[in-house]
Amino acid sequence: MTIDLTGITTKADLHQLFKTELQFPDWYGVSWDAFWDCIVAVVEMPEQLTLTHWDEFARQCPRDMEILRLIVQDYNQTKAPKSMRLG
């Protein structure tokens, strides 16, 4: 599965996109802890998730991009053979 981040420039927009595309529950909000909970225990994640065109988000939200990078790394270690990558 591929999620295109083109035009995503805020943390709120990113989390809304994740909620929609990954079918997170209604209670999901703008939280990296909730994101982690959803991807490891709440929803059935695809075998491979690729996030494309993330450059603009990284420029606008460098701190959140660093958190996302760490989550991707932790997810790949925790949930192998499933994987997430920045493409």
C-alpha atoms as a PDB file:
ATOM      1  CA  MET A   1       0.000   0.000   0.000  1.00  0.00           C
ATOM      2  CA  THR A   2       1.209   3.511  -0.771  1.00  0.00           C
ATOM      3  CA  ILE A   3       0.107   6.710   0.932  1.00  0.00           C
ATOM      4  CA  ASP A   4       0.944   9.905  -0.949  1.00  0.00           C
ATOM      5  CA  LEU A   5       1.798  12.810   1.371  1.00  0.00           C
ATOM      6  CA  THR A   6       1.718  15.443  -1.376  1.00  0.00           C
ATOM      7  CA  GLY A   7       0.266  18.657   0.075  1.00  0.00           C
ATOM      8  CA  ILE A   8       0.519  17.499   3.690  1.00  0.00           C
ATOM      9  CA  THR A   9       2.136  20.343   5.634  1.00  0.00           C
ATOM     10  CA  THR A  10       0.821  19.979   9.192  1.00  0.00           C
ATOM     11  CA  LYS A  11       0.793  17.270  11.834  1.00  0.00           C
ATOM     12  CA  ALA A  12      -3.018  17.437  11.949  1.00  0.00           C
ATOM     13  CA  ASP A  13      -3.287  16.905   8.184  1.00  0.00           C
ATOM     14  CA  LEU A  14      -0.896  13.959   8.356  1.00  0.00           C
ATOM     15  CA  HIS A  15      -2.823  12.252  11.133  1.00  0.00           C
ATOM     16  CA  GLN A  16      -6.129  12.812   9.335  1.00  0.00           C
ATOM     17  CA  LEU A  17      -4.653  11.217   6.222  1.00  0.00           C
ATOM     18  CA  PHE A  18      -3.457   8.230   8.259  1.00  0.00           C
ATOM     19  CA  LYS A  19      -6.870   7.936   9.905  1.00  0.00           C
ATOM     20  CA  THR A  20      -8.630   7.887   6.540  1.00  0.00           C
ATOM     21  CA  GLU A  21      -6.218   5.732   4.557  1.00  0.00           C
ATOM     22  CA  LEU A  22      -5.480   3.171   7.273  1.00  0.00           C
ATOM     23  CA  GLN A  23      -9.057   3.108   8.573  1.00  0.00           C
ATOM     24  CA  PHE A  24      -8.201   4.063  12.136  1.00  0.00           C
ATOM     25  CA  PRO A  25     -11.102   4.157  14.624  1.00  0.00           C
ATOM     26  CA  ASP A  26     -13.198   7.251  15.281  1.00  0.00           C
ATOM     27  CA  TRP A  27     -11.403   7.976  18.563  1.00  0.00           C
ATOM     28  CA  TYR A  28      -8.066   8.437  16.778  1.00  0.00           C
ATOM     29  CA  GLY A  29      -6.675  11.953  17.076  1.00  0.00           C
ATOM     30  CA  VAL A  30      -3.497  13.933  16.508  1.00  0.00           C
ATOM     31  CA  SER A  31      -1.117  11.892  18.632  1.00  0.00           C
ATOM     32  CA  TRP A  32       1.989   9.875  17.867  1.00  0.00           C
ATOM     33  CA  ASP A  33       1.169   7.554  20.786  1.00  0.00           C
ATOM     34  CA  ALA A  34      -2.261   6.845  19.299  1.00  0.00           C
ATOM     35  CA  PHE A  35      -0.645   6.311  15.903  1.00  0.00           C
ATOM     36  CA  TRP A  36       1.711   3.705  17.372  1.00  0.00           C
ATOM     37  CA  ASP A  37      -1.152   1.972  19.193  1.00  0.00           C
ATOM     38  CA  CYS A  38      -3.187   1.811  15.997  1.00  0.00           C
ATOM     39  CA  ILE A  39      -0.427   0.446  13.769  1.00  0.00           C
ATOM     40  CA  VAL A  40       0.726  -2.244  16.190  1.00  0.00           C
ATOM     41  CA  ALA A  41      -2.497  -3.326  17.871  1.00  0.00           C
ATOM     42  CA  VAL A  42      -5.697  -1.801  16.509  1.00  0.00           C
ATOM     43  CA  VAL A  43      -5.829  -2.045  12.714  1.00  0.00           C
ATOM     44  CA  GLU A  44      -4.635  -4.698  10.309  1.00  0.00           C
ATOM     45  CA  MET A  45      -1.701  -3.057   8.587  1.00  0.00           C
ATOM     46  CA  PRO A  46      -0.685  -3.941   5.024  1.00  0.00           C
ATOM     47  CA  GLU A  47       2.364  -6.128   4.526  1.00  0.00           C
ATOM     48  CA  GLN A  48       4.226  -3.082   3.244  1.00  0.00           C
ATOM     49  CA  LEU A  49       3.293   0.561   3.658  1.00  0.00           C
ATOM     50  CA  THR A  50       5.204   3.144   1.643  1.00  0.00           C
ATOM     51  CA  LEU A  51       4.885   6.859   2.372  1.00  0.00           C
ATOM     52  CA  THR A  52       5.733   8.915  -0.707  1.00  0.00           C
ATOM     53  CA  HIS A  53       6.257  12.635  -1.329  1.00  0.00           C
ATOM     54  CA  TRP A  54       6.976  13.338   2.338  1.00  0.00           C
ATOM     55  CA  ASP A  55       9.583  16.053   1.605  1.00  0.00           C
ATOM     56  CA  GLU A  56       7.204  18.997   2.022  1.00  0.00           C
ATOM     57  CA  PHE A  57       5.955  17.662   5.351  1.00  0.00           C
ATOM     58  CA  ALA A  58       9.566  17.187   6.492  1.00  0.00           C
ATOM     59  CA  ARG A  59      10.367  20.823   5.669  1.00  0.00           C
ATOM     60  CA  GLN A  60       7.248  22.178   7.378  1.00  0.00           C
ATOM     61  CA  CYS A  61       7.326  19.862  10.414  1.00  0.00           C
ATOM     62  CA  PRO A  62      10.907  18.694  10.987  1.00  0.00           C
ATOM     63  CA  ARG A  63      10.313  17.570  14.590  1.00  0.00           C
ATOM     64  CA  ASP A  64       7.290  15.483  13.628  1.00  0.00           C
ATOM     65  CA  MET A  65       9.177  14.058  10.671  1.00  0.00           C
ATOM     66  CA  GLU A  66      11.934  12.907  13.019  1.00  0.00           C
ATOM     67  CA  ILE A  67       9.325  11.232  15.227  1.00  0.00           C
ATOM     68  CA  LEU A  68       7.816   9.551  12.174  1.00  0.00           C
ATOM     69  CA  ARG A  69      11.258   8.285  11.120  1.00  0.00           C
ATOM     70  CA  LEU A  70      11.767   6.742  14.561  1.00  0.00           C
ATOM     71  CA  ILE A  71       8.326   5.156  14.460  1.00  0.00           C
ATOM     72  CA  VAL A  72       9.072   3.652  11.044  1.00  0.00           C
ATOM     73  CA  GLN A  73      12.309   2.215  12.396  1.00  0.00           C
ATOM     74  CA  ASP A  74      10.647   0.804  15.527  1.00  0.00           C
ATOM     75  CA  TYR A  75       7.719  -0.575  13.533  1.00  0.00           C
ATOM     76  CA  ASN A  76      10.048  -2.426  11.169  1.00  0.00           C
ATOM     77  CA  GLN A  77      11.866  -4.020  14.102  1.00  0.00           C
ATOM     78  CA  THR A  78       8.687  -4.859  16.013  1.00  0.00           C
ATOM     79  CA  LYS A  79       6.338  -6.012  13.265  1.00  0.00           C
ATOM     80  CA  ALA A  80       8.635  -7.817  10.785  1.00  0.00           C
ATOM     81  CA  PRO A  81       7.995  -9.179   8.242  1.00  0.00           C
ATOM     82  CA  LYS A  82       5.529  -6.292   7.844  1.00  0.00           C
ATOM     83  CA  SER A  83       7.266  -3.049   7.015  1.00  0.00           C
ATOM     84  CA  MET A  84       6.830   0.655   6.598  1.00  0.00           C
ATOM     85  CA  ARG A  85       9.150   2.818   4.537  1.00  0.00           C
ATOM     86  CA  LEU A  86       9.651   6.329   3.319  1.00  0.00           C
ATOM     87  CA  GLY A  87       9.767   6.140  -0.451  1.00  0.00           C
END
